Amino acid sequence: MNTFFVLTGGPSVGKTSLLEALHQYGFKTIPEDARRIIKNQVQINGDALPWQNKQKYADLMLEAALENYSEQKKLDIKSPVFFDRGHLDSICYMKMEHLKIDENSLKIVRENPYENVFILPPWKEIYTTDSERKQSWEEVLYTHEMMKQTYIEFGYSPIEVPKMSVKDRLDFVLKFLKK
């Protein structure tokens, strides 16, 4: 099995903060592609945006996630690598938005598994919106449930990271890795 781990959950639940803490601790980390894709599409006046062409946006997200996975796999890294969202997050988004998911993509996703998945629960006290993160609180709750269901559907048992400080969340993940 590989040493690839996913941090997932709804928007604004602390994934990126935990990823940064893991990076500072010395782990290889792969940032989320959503903001990069959105900024790029806005810059080039493209329409692959979640509020314009959801299918194009989802396809770009899945492509980027699979490329990130493939690049890390080629490096044959023996220590843990943490991804801020994984390719199944893109599949989940497609399901949530009732978009087309081609069979080849599902096959590739199944052939490229993660070691495990850490899911961060909705946390109203830290939830914020901005120009790229526009989901309502209800959408955050729905996204969390759908992410959890999607990973379970693909054979994972997501590990819920408790609502606590970034340092305590880091310690929680480190403790899991030592098992």
N, C-alpha and C. Protein backbone atom coordinates (compact mmCIF):
# COMPACT_ATOMS: atom_id res chain seq x y z
N MET A 1 0.84 -1.19 0.00
CA MET A 1 0.00 0.00 0.00
C MET A 1 0.88 1.25 0.00
N ASN A 2 0.34 2.34 -0.51
CA ASN A 2 1.09 3.58 -0.55
C ASN A 2 1.03 4.33 0.78
N THR A 3 1.61 5.49 0.80
CA THR A 3 1.62 6.31 2.01
C THR A 3 0.88 7.62 1.76
N PHE A 4 -0.15 7.57 0.91
CA PHE A 4 -0.90 8.77 0.55
C PHE A 4 -2.14 8.89 1.43
N PHE A 5 -2.31 10.08 2.01
CA PHE A 5 -3.44 10.36 2.89
C PHE A 5 -4.18 11.59 2.37
N VAL A 6 -5.50 11.57 2.52
CA VAL A 6 -6.34 12.68 2.09
C VAL A 6 -6.90 13.40 3.30
N LEU A 7 -6.94 14.73 3.21
CA LEU A 7 -7.70 15.55 4.15
C LEU A 7 -8.93 16.00 3.37
N THR A 8 -10.11 15.69 3.86
CA THR A 8 -11.33 16.05 3.15
C THR A 8 -12.37 16.60 4.11
N GLY A 9 -13.49 17.00 3.55
CA GLY A 9 -14.59 17.58 4.31
C GLY A 9 -15.18 18.72 3.51
N GLY A 10 -16.13 19.40 4.09
CA GLY A 10 -16.73 20.54 3.42
C GLY A 10 -15.77 21.72 3.38
N PRO A 11 -16.22 22.83 2.80
CA PRO A 11 -15.37 24.02 2.75
C PRO A 11 -15.23 24.67 4.13
N SER A 12 -14.10 25.27 4.37
CA SER A 12 -13.85 26.07 5.58
C SER A 12 -14.00 25.26 6.87
N VAL A 13 -13.38 24.07 6.89
CA VAL A 13 -13.41 23.25 8.09
C VAL A 13 -12.03 23.08 8.71
N GLY A 14 -11.01 23.72 8.10
CA GLY A 14 -9.67 23.67 8.66
C GLY A 14 -8.69 22.75 7.94
N LYS A 15 -9.08 22.26 6.76
CA LYS A 15 -8.19 21.34 6.02
C LYS A 15 -6.86 21.99 5.68
N THR A 16 -6.92 23.18 5.11
CA THR A 16 -5.70 23.85 4.66
C THR A 16 -4.81 24.22 5.84
N SER A 17 -5.39 24.61 6.95
CA SER A 17 -4.60 24.92 8.15
C SER A 17 -3.89 23.67 8.67
N LEU A 18 -4.60 22.55 8.68
CA LEU A 18 -3.98 21.29 9.11
C LEU A 18 -2.90 20.86 8.12
N LEU A 19 -3.16 21.03 6.84
CA LEU A 19 -2.17 20.69 5.81
C LEU A 19 -0.90 21.51 6.02
N GLU A 20 -1.06 22.79 6.30
CA GLU A 20 0.10 23.66 6.54
C GLU A 20 0.88 23.19 7.77
N ALA A 21 0.17 22.80 8.83
CA ALA A 21 0.84 22.29 10.04
C ALA A 21 1.60 21.01 9.73
N LEU A 22 1.02 20.14 8.92
CA LEU A 22 1.70 18.90 8.52
C LEU A 22 2.95 19.22 7.70
N HIS A 23 2.84 20.22 6.84
CA HIS A 23 3.99 20.65 6.03
C HIS A 23 5.11 21.20 6.93
N GLN A 24 4.73 22.04 7.88
CA GLN A 24 5.73 22.61 8.80
C GLN A 24 6.37 21.52 9.65
N TYR A 25 5.63 20.46 9.91
CA TYR A 25 6.17 19.33 10.68
C TYR A 25 7.20 18.55 9.86
N GLY A 26 7.13 18.71 8.54
CA GLY A 26 8.11 18.05 7.68
C GLY A 26 7.55 17.08 6.66
N PHE A 27 6.23 16.94 6.61
CA PHE A 27 5.62 16.03 5.65
C PHE A 27 5.48 16.70 4.28
N LYS A 28 5.47 15.88 3.26
CA LYS A 28 5.17 16.35 1.90
C LYS A 28 3.67 16.59 1.86
N THR A 29 3.26 17.77 1.36
CA THR A 29 1.85 18.11 1.28
C THR A 29 1.52 18.62 -0.12
N ILE A 30 0.31 18.33 -0.55
CA ILE A 30 -0.17 18.74 -1.87
C ILE A 30 -1.40 19.62 -1.65
N PRO A 31 -1.31 20.91 -2.04
CA PRO A 31 -2.42 21.83 -1.80
C PRO A 31 -3.64 21.53 -2.67
N GLU A 32 -4.77 22.04 -2.25
CA GLU A 32 -6.02 21.91 -3.00
C GLU A 32 -5.92 22.67 -4.32
N ASP A 33 -6.55 22.15 -5.35
CA ASP A 33 -6.49 22.78 -6.68
C ASP A 33 -7.63 23.76 -6.94
N ALA A 34 -8.70 23.71 -6.16
CA ALA A 34 -9.89 24.51 -6.46
C ALA A 34 -9.58 25.99 -6.62
N ARG A 35 -8.91 26.58 -5.65
CA ARG A 35 -8.63 28.02 -5.72
C ARG A 35 -7.73 28.35 -6.92
N ARG A 36 -6.74 27.49 -7.18
CA ARG A 36 -5.85 27.73 -8.32
C ARG A 36 -6.64 27.69 -9.63
N ILE A 37 -7.51 26.71 -9.76
CA ILE A 37 -8.32 26.59 -10.98
C ILE A 37 -9.26 27.78 -11.11
N ILE A 38 -9.92 28.16 -10.04
CA ILE A 38 -10.84 29.30 -10.08
C ILE A 38 -10.09 30.58 -10.45
N LYS A 39 -8.96 30.84 -9.78
CA LYS A 39 -8.19 32.05 -10.09
C LYS A 39 -7.73 32.06 -11.54
N ASN A 40 -7.26 30.90 -12.02
CA ASN A 40 -6.81 30.81 -13.41
C ASN A 40 -7.97 31.06 -14.38
N GLN A 41 -9.11 30.47 -14.12
CA GLN A 41 -10.26 30.65 -15.01
C GLN A 41 -10.73 32.10 -15.02
N VAL A 42 -10.72 32.75 -13.87
CA VAL A 42 -11.10 34.16 -13.81
C VAL A 42 -10.09 34.99 -14.60
N GLN A 43 -8.81 34.69 -14.42
CA GLN A 43 -7.73 35.43 -15.09
C GLN A 43 -7.82 35.31 -16.62
N ILE A 44 -8.13 34.12 -17.12
CA ILE A 44 -8.19 33.92 -18.57
C ILE A 44 -9.60 34.13 -19.13
N ASN A 45 -10.50 34.56 -18.27
CA ASN A 45 -11.90 34.76 -18.65
C ASN A 45 -12.55 33.45 -19.12
N GLY A 46 -12.16 32.36 -18.46
CA GLY A 46 -12.70 31.04 -18.79
C GLY A 46 -14.02 30.81 -18.09
N ASP A 47 -14.70 29.75 -18.48
CA ASP A 47 -16.00 29.46 -17.87
C ASP A 47 -16.00 28.19 -17.02
N ALA A 48 -14.84 27.58 -16.82
CA ALA A 48 -14.76 26.37 -15.98
C ALA A 48 -14.77 26.78 -14.51
N LEU A 49 -15.90 27.32 -14.10
CA LEU A 49 -16.09 27.84 -12.75
C LEU A 49 -17.32 27.19 -12.13
N PRO A 50 -17.31 26.99 -10.83
CA PRO A 50 -18.46 26.32 -10.20
C PRO A 50 -19.77 27.10 -10.34
N TRP A 51 -19.71 28.37 -10.65
CA TRP A 51 -20.93 29.16 -10.82
C TRP A 51 -21.24 29.43 -12.29
N GLN A 52 -20.43 28.84 -13.22
CA GLN A 52 -20.72 29.00 -14.65
C GLN A 52 -20.88 27.65 -15.35
N ASN A 53 -19.79 26.90 -15.44
CA ASN A 53 -19.84 25.61 -16.12
C ASN A 53 -19.32 24.54 -15.16
N LYS A 54 -20.22 24.00 -14.40
CA LYS A 54 -19.83 23.05 -13.34
C LYS A 54 -19.16 21.80 -13.89
N GLN A 55 -19.61 21.33 -15.06
CA GLN A 55 -19.01 20.12 -15.63
C GLN A 55 -17.54 20.36 -15.98
N LYS A 56 -17.27 21.48 -16.65
CA LYS A 56 -15.87 21.79 -17.02
C LYS A 56 -15.01 21.95 -15.77
N TYR A 57 -15.55 22.65 -14.79
CA TYR A 57 -14.84 22.86 -13.53
C TYR A 57 -14.53 21.52 -12.86
N ALA A 58 -15.53 20.66 -12.77
CA ALA A 58 -15.35 19.34 -12.14
C ALA A 58 -14.33 18.50 -12.90
N ASP A 59 -14.39 18.56 -14.23
CA ASP A 59 -13.43 17.80 -15.04
C ASP A 59 -12.01 18.29 -14.80
N LEU A 60 -11.82 19.60 -14.71
CA LEU A 60 -10.49 20.16 -14.41
C LEU A 60 -10.02 19.75 -13.02
N MET A 61 -10.94 19.75 -12.06
CA MET A 61 -10.60 19.36 -10.69
C MET A 61 -10.15 17.90 -10.65
N LEU A 62 -10.88 17.02 -11.30
CA LEU A 62 -10.53 15.60 -11.30
C LEU A 62 -9.20 15.38 -12.02
N GLU A 63 -9.03 16.04 -13.14
CA GLU A 63 -7.77 15.93 -13.89
C GLU A 63 -6.59 16.36 -13.03
N ALA A 64 -6.73 17.49 -12.34
CA ALA A 64 -5.65 18.00 -11.48
C ALA A 64 -5.37 17.04 -10.33
N ALA A 65 -6.41 16.50 -9.71
CA ALA A 65 -6.23 15.57 -8.59
C ALA A 65 -5.52 14.30 -9.04
N LEU A 66 -5.89 13.79 -10.20
CA LEU A 66 -5.25 12.58 -10.71
C LEU A 66 -3.80 12.85 -11.11
N GLU A 67 -3.54 14.04 -11.66
CA GLU A 67 -2.16 14.41 -12.00
C GLU A 67 -1.30 14.51 -10.74
N ASN A 68 -1.84 15.14 -9.70
CA ASN A 68 -1.11 15.26 -8.43
C ASN A 68 -0.76 13.88 -7.89
N TYR A 69 -1.74 12.99 -7.90
CA TYR A 69 -1.53 11.63 -7.41
C TYR A 69 -0.45 10.94 -8.24
N SER A 70 -0.58 11.01 -9.54
CA SER A 70 0.36 10.35 -10.45
C SER A 70 1.79 10.87 -10.26
N GLU A 71 1.93 12.19 -10.13
CA GLU A 71 3.26 12.78 -9.92
C GLU A 71 3.90 12.26 -8.64
N GLN A 72 3.12 12.18 -7.57
CA GLN A 72 3.67 11.70 -6.29
C GLN A 72 3.99 10.21 -6.36
N LYS A 73 3.16 9.46 -7.07
CA LYS A 73 3.37 8.02 -7.22
C LYS A 73 4.70 7.75 -7.94
N LYS A 74 5.01 8.56 -8.95
CA LYS A 74 6.26 8.40 -9.70
C LYS A 74 7.48 8.63 -8.82
N LEU A 75 7.33 9.51 -7.82
CA LEU A 75 8.46 9.83 -6.93
C LEU A 75 8.76 8.69 -5.96
N ASP A 76 7.81 7.77 -5.80
CA ASP A 76 7.99 6.60 -4.94
C ASP A 76 8.43 7.00 -3.52
N ILE A 77 7.72 7.96 -2.96
CA ILE A 77 8.02 8.47 -1.62
C ILE A 77 7.57 7.44 -0.57
N LYS A 78 8.45 7.17 0.39
CA LYS A 78 8.13 6.17 1.42
C LYS A 78 7.47 6.77 2.66
N SER A 79 7.64 8.07 2.87
CA SER A 79 7.02 8.70 4.03
C SER A 79 5.64 9.26 3.63
N PRO A 80 4.79 9.56 4.59
CA PRO A 80 3.44 10.02 4.28
C PRO A 80 3.40 11.29 3.42
N VAL A 81 2.45 11.30 2.51
CA VAL A 81 2.14 12.46 1.67
C VAL A 81 0.68 12.79 1.94
N PHE A 82 0.41 14.07 2.22
CA PHE A 82 -0.95 14.50 2.54
C PHE A 82 -1.50 15.39 1.43
N PHE A 83 -2.70 15.04 0.96
CA PHE A 83 -3.38 15.78 -0.10
C PHE A 83 -4.54 16.57 0.50
N ASP A 84 -4.60 17.87 0.19
CA ASP A 84 -5.75 18.69 0.56
C ASP A 84 -6.82 18.40 -0.50
N ARG A 85 -7.65 17.45 -0.22
CA ARG A 85 -8.67 16.87 -1.10
C ARG A 85 -8.02 15.85 -2.03
N GLY A 86 -8.81 14.84 -2.38
CA GLY A 86 -8.33 13.80 -3.28
C GLY A 86 -9.22 13.68 -4.50
N HIS A 87 -8.89 12.73 -5.36
CA HIS A 87 -9.69 12.60 -6.58
C HIS A 87 -11.14 12.22 -6.30
N LEU A 88 -11.39 11.55 -5.18
CA LEU A 88 -12.78 11.23 -4.84
C LEU A 88 -13.58 12.46 -4.45
N ASP A 89 -12.92 13.52 -4.02
CA ASP A 89 -13.63 14.77 -3.75
C ASP A 89 -14.26 15.30 -5.03
N SER A 90 -13.53 15.15 -6.14
CA SER A 90 -14.06 15.59 -7.44
C SER A 90 -15.25 14.72 -7.85
N ILE A 91 -15.13 13.42 -7.64
CA ILE A 91 -16.24 12.50 -7.94
C ILE A 91 -17.45 12.87 -7.09
N CYS A 92 -17.22 13.17 -5.83
CA CYS A 92 -18.31 13.56 -4.93
C CYS A 92 -18.99 14.84 -5.44
N TYR A 93 -18.18 15.83 -5.85
CA TYR A 93 -18.74 17.08 -6.37
C TYR A 93 -19.62 16.78 -7.59
N MET A 94 -19.13 15.91 -8.47
CA MET A 94 -19.91 15.55 -9.66
C MET A 94 -21.24 14.91 -9.27
N LYS A 95 -21.21 14.04 -8.26
CA LYS A 95 -22.44 13.41 -7.78
C LYS A 95 -23.39 14.46 -7.19
N MET A 96 -22.85 15.36 -6.37
CA MET A 96 -23.67 16.38 -5.72
C MET A 96 -24.36 17.28 -6.74
N GLU A 97 -23.65 17.57 -7.83
CA GLU A 97 -24.17 18.48 -8.85
C GLU A 97 -24.86 17.75 -9.99
N HIS A 98 -25.00 16.42 -9.87
CA HIS A 98 -25.65 15.60 -10.89
C HIS A 98 -24.98 15.76 -12.25
N LEU A 99 -23.64 15.71 -12.24
CA LEU A 99 -22.86 15.85 -13.46
C LEU A 99 -22.47 14.48 -14.00
N LYS A 100 -22.01 14.47 -15.23
CA LYS A 100 -21.59 13.24 -15.88
C LYS A 100 -20.26 12.77 -15.29
N ILE A 101 -20.19 11.49 -14.94
CA ILE A 101 -18.95 10.86 -14.47
C ILE A 101 -18.68 9.70 -15.41
N ASP A 102 -17.60 9.80 -16.18
CA ASP A 102 -17.35 8.72 -17.13
C ASP A 102 -16.71 7.51 -16.44
N GLU A 103 -16.99 6.35 -17.01
CA GLU A 103 -16.52 5.09 -16.43
C GLU A 103 -15.00 5.00 -16.35
N ASN A 104 -14.31 5.57 -17.34
CA ASN A 104 -12.85 5.52 -17.32
C ASN A 104 -12.30 6.27 -16.11
N SER A 105 -12.90 7.41 -15.78
CA SER A 105 -12.47 8.17 -14.60
C SER A 105 -12.66 7.34 -13.34
N LEU A 106 -13.80 6.67 -13.23
CA LEU A 106 -14.06 5.83 -12.06
C LEU A 106 -13.05 4.69 -11.97
N LYS A 107 -12.70 4.12 -13.11
CA LYS A 107 -11.71 3.04 -13.15
C LYS A 107 -10.36 3.55 -12.66
N ILE A 108 -9.94 4.71 -13.15
CA ILE A 108 -8.65 5.29 -12.75
C ILE A 108 -8.64 5.60 -11.26
N VAL A 109 -9.74 6.15 -10.75
CA VAL A 109 -9.85 6.46 -9.32
C VAL A 109 -9.70 5.19 -8.49
N ARG A 110 -10.36 4.12 -8.91
CA ARG A 110 -10.29 2.85 -8.17
C ARG A 110 -8.88 2.25 -8.21
N GLU A 111 -8.16 2.47 -9.30
CA GLU A 111 -6.81 1.91 -9.45
C GLU A 111 -5.74 2.72 -8.73
N ASN A 112 -6.12 3.87 -8.18
CA ASN A 112 -5.16 4.76 -7.51
C ASN A 112 -5.66 5.11 -6.12
N PRO A 113 -5.57 4.15 -5.20
CA PRO A 113 -6.13 4.34 -3.85
C PRO A 113 -5.23 5.16 -2.93
N TYR A 114 -5.84 5.65 -1.89
CA TYR A 114 -5.12 6.31 -0.80
C TYR A 114 -4.99 5.32 0.35
N GLU A 115 -4.00 5.54 1.19
CA GLU A 115 -3.82 4.70 2.38
C GLU A 115 -5.00 4.89 3.33
N ASN A 116 -5.36 6.16 3.54
CA ASN A 116 -6.48 6.46 4.42
C ASN A 116 -6.96 7.88 4.21
N VAL A 117 -8.08 8.20 4.83
CA VAL A 117 -8.74 9.49 4.65
C VAL A 117 -9.07 10.08 6.01
N PHE A 118 -8.67 11.34 6.19
CA PHE A 118 -9.04 12.10 7.39
C PHE A 118 -10.13 13.08 6.96
N ILE A 119 -11.27 13.03 7.64
CA ILE A 119 -12.36 13.95 7.31
C ILE A 119 -12.55 14.93 8.45
N LEU A 120 -12.60 16.21 8.10
CA LEU A 120 -12.78 17.26 9.10
C LEU A 120 -14.25 17.68 9.09
N PRO A 121 -14.91 17.68 10.24
CA PRO A 121 -16.34 17.95 10.30
C PRO A 121 -16.67 19.44 10.16
N PRO A 122 -17.91 19.74 9.80
CA PRO A 122 -18.35 21.14 9.77
C PRO A 122 -18.16 21.78 11.14
N TRP A 123 -17.71 23.02 11.13
CA TRP A 123 -17.40 23.72 12.38
C TRP A 123 -17.80 25.18 12.19
N LYS A 124 -18.99 25.50 12.66
CA LYS A 124 -19.57 26.82 12.40
C LYS A 124 -18.69 27.97 12.91
N GLU A 125 -18.01 27.74 14.02
CA GLU A 125 -17.21 28.82 14.62
C GLU A 125 -16.02 29.24 13.74
N ILE A 126 -15.56 28.39 12.85
CA ILE A 126 -14.43 28.78 12.00
C ILE A 126 -14.85 28.98 10.54
N TYR A 127 -16.13 28.76 10.24
CA TYR A 127 -16.61 28.85 8.86
C TYR A 127 -16.61 30.29 8.36
N THR A 128 -16.03 30.49 7.18
CA THR A 128 -16.04 31.81 6.53
C THR A 128 -16.29 31.62 5.03
N THR A 129 -16.75 32.69 4.39
CA THR A 129 -16.90 32.69 2.93
C THR A 129 -16.00 33.77 2.36
N ASP A 130 -15.71 33.66 1.07
CA ASP A 130 -14.94 34.68 0.37
C ASP A 130 -15.30 34.62 -1.10
N SER A 131 -14.51 35.30 -1.95
CA SER A 131 -14.85 35.38 -3.38
C SER A 131 -14.79 34.03 -4.09
N GLU A 132 -14.06 33.08 -3.54
CA GLU A 132 -13.96 31.76 -4.17
C GLU A 132 -14.71 30.68 -3.39
N ARG A 133 -15.01 30.96 -2.15
CA ARG A 133 -15.71 30.00 -1.29
C ARG A 133 -17.06 30.63 -0.96
N LYS A 134 -18.07 30.21 -1.70
CA LYS A 134 -19.37 30.88 -1.61
C LYS A 134 -20.48 30.02 -1.01
N GLN A 135 -20.15 28.83 -0.53
CA GLN A 135 -21.18 27.90 -0.05
C GLN A 135 -21.83 28.39 1.24
N SER A 136 -23.13 28.14 1.33
CA SER A 136 -23.87 28.45 2.56
C SER A 136 -23.54 27.39 3.61
N TRP A 137 -23.93 27.66 4.85
CA TRP A 137 -23.70 26.70 5.93
C TRP A 137 -24.41 25.37 5.63
N GLU A 138 -25.62 25.45 5.08
CA GLU A 138 -26.36 24.23 4.73
C GLU A 138 -25.59 23.42 3.69
N GLU A 139 -24.97 24.11 2.73
CA GLU A 139 -24.17 23.41 1.72
C GLU A 139 -22.93 22.77 2.34
N VAL A 140 -22.36 23.41 3.34
CA VAL A 140 -21.21 22.83 4.05
C VAL A 140 -21.62 21.51 4.70
N LEU A 141 -22.76 21.50 5.37
CA LEU A 141 -23.25 20.29 6.03
C LEU A 141 -23.51 19.18 5.01
N TYR A 142 -24.15 19.54 3.90
CA TYR A 142 -24.46 18.58 2.85
C TYR A 142 -23.17 18.03 2.23
N THR A 143 -22.21 18.91 1.97
CA THR A 143 -20.93 18.49 1.39
C THR A 143 -20.24 17.49 2.30
N HIS A 144 -20.21 17.77 3.59
CA HIS A 144 -19.58 16.86 4.55
C HIS A 144 -20.19 15.46 4.45
N GLU A 145 -21.51 15.41 4.49
CA GLU A 145 -22.19 14.10 4.44
C GLU A 145 -21.91 13.38 3.13
N MET A 146 -21.93 14.12 2.03
CA MET A 146 -21.68 13.50 0.72
C MET A 146 -20.24 13.02 0.60
N MET A 147 -19.28 13.80 1.13
CA MET A 147 -17.88 13.37 1.10
C MET A 147 -17.72 12.06 1.87
N LYS A 148 -18.29 12.05 3.05
CA LYS A 148 -18.20 10.85 3.89
C LYS A 148 -18.80 9.65 3.16
N GLN A 149 -19.99 9.82 2.60
CA GLN A 149 -20.66 8.73 1.88
C GLN A 149 -19.85 8.26 0.68
N THR A 150 -19.28 9.21 -0.06
CA THR A 150 -18.52 8.86 -1.26
C THR A 150 -17.30 8.03 -0.90
N TYR A 151 -16.55 8.46 0.10
CA TYR A 151 -15.36 7.69 0.50
C TYR A 151 -15.76 6.31 1.01
N ILE A 152 -16.83 6.22 1.77
CA ILE A 152 -17.31 4.92 2.26
C ILE A 152 -17.71 4.03 1.08
N GLU A 153 -18.42 4.62 0.13
CA GLU A 153 -18.85 3.89 -1.07
C GLU A 153 -17.66 3.28 -1.82
N PHE A 154 -16.51 3.94 -1.76
CA PHE A 154 -15.32 3.45 -2.45
C PHE A 154 -14.42 2.61 -1.53
N GLY A 155 -14.95 2.21 -0.38
CA GLY A 155 -14.25 1.26 0.48
C GLY A 155 -13.39 1.85 1.58
N TYR A 156 -13.46 3.15 1.79
CA TYR A 156 -12.67 3.79 2.85
C TYR A 156 -13.48 3.88 4.14
N SER A 157 -12.78 4.02 5.24
CA SER A 157 -13.40 4.29 6.54
C SER A 157 -12.82 5.62 7.02
N PRO A 158 -13.44 6.74 6.61
CA PRO A 158 -12.87 8.05 6.96
C PRO A 158 -12.70 8.22 8.47
N ILE A 159 -11.56 8.77 8.85
CA ILE A 159 -11.23 9.03 10.25
C ILE A 159 -11.60 10.47 10.54
N GLU A 160 -12.56 10.68 11.44
CA GLU A 160 -12.99 12.04 11.74
C GLU A 160 -12.00 12.71 12.68
N VAL A 161 -11.51 13.86 12.23
CA VAL A 161 -10.58 14.67 13.02
C VAL A 161 -11.42 15.60 13.89
N PRO A 162 -11.29 15.51 15.21
CA PRO A 162 -12.13 16.32 16.10
C PRO A 162 -11.94 17.83 15.91
N LYS A 163 -12.96 18.56 16.35
CA LYS A 163 -12.89 20.03 16.35
C LYS A 163 -12.00 20.45 17.50
N MET A 164 -10.79 20.86 17.19
CA MET A 164 -9.84 21.33 18.20
C MET A 164 -8.81 22.19 17.51
N SER A 165 -7.87 22.72 18.26
CA SER A 165 -6.86 23.60 17.69
C SER A 165 -6.07 22.89 16.59
N VAL A 166 -5.43 23.66 15.74
CA VAL A 166 -4.62 23.09 14.66
C VAL A 166 -3.54 22.19 15.25
N LYS A 167 -2.90 22.63 16.32
CA LYS A 167 -1.85 21.83 16.95
C LYS A 167 -2.41 20.49 17.45
N ASP A 168 -3.58 20.53 18.07
CA ASP A 168 -4.19 19.29 18.56
C ASP A 168 -4.63 18.39 17.41
N ARG A 169 -5.08 19.00 16.33
CA ARG A 169 -5.43 18.21 15.15
C ARG A 169 -4.18 17.55 14.57
N LEU A 170 -3.09 18.30 14.54
CA LEU A 170 -1.82 17.74 14.07
C LEU A 170 -1.43 16.55 14.95
N ASP A 171 -1.51 16.72 16.26
CA ASP A 171 -1.17 15.64 17.19
C ASP A 171 -2.08 14.42 16.97
N PHE A 172 -3.35 14.66 16.67
CA PHE A 172 -4.29 13.58 16.40
C PHE A 172 -3.83 12.75 15.19
N VAL A 173 -3.45 13.45 14.12
CA VAL A 173 -2.99 12.76 12.91
C VAL A 173 -1.68 12.03 13.18
N LEU A 174 -0.76 12.68 13.89
CA LEU A 174 0.53 12.04 14.20
C LEU A 174 0.32 10.77 15.02
N LYS A 175 -0.59 10.84 15.97
CA LYS A 175 -0.88 9.67 16.81
C LYS A 175 -1.42 8.53 15.94
N PHE A 176 -2.28 8.86 14.99
CA PHE A 176 -2.81 7.84 14.09
C PHE A 176 -1.68 7.20 13.27
N LEU A 177 -0.76 8.01 12.78
CA LEU A 177 0.33 7.50 11.95
C LEU A 177 1.24 6.54 12.71
N LYS A 178 1.33 6.72 14.03
CA LYS A 178 2.21 5.87 14.84
C LYS A 178 1.60 4.51 15.14
N LYS A 179 0.31 4.33 14.85
CA LYS A 179 -0.36 3.05 15.12
C LYS A 179 0.19 1.95 14.24
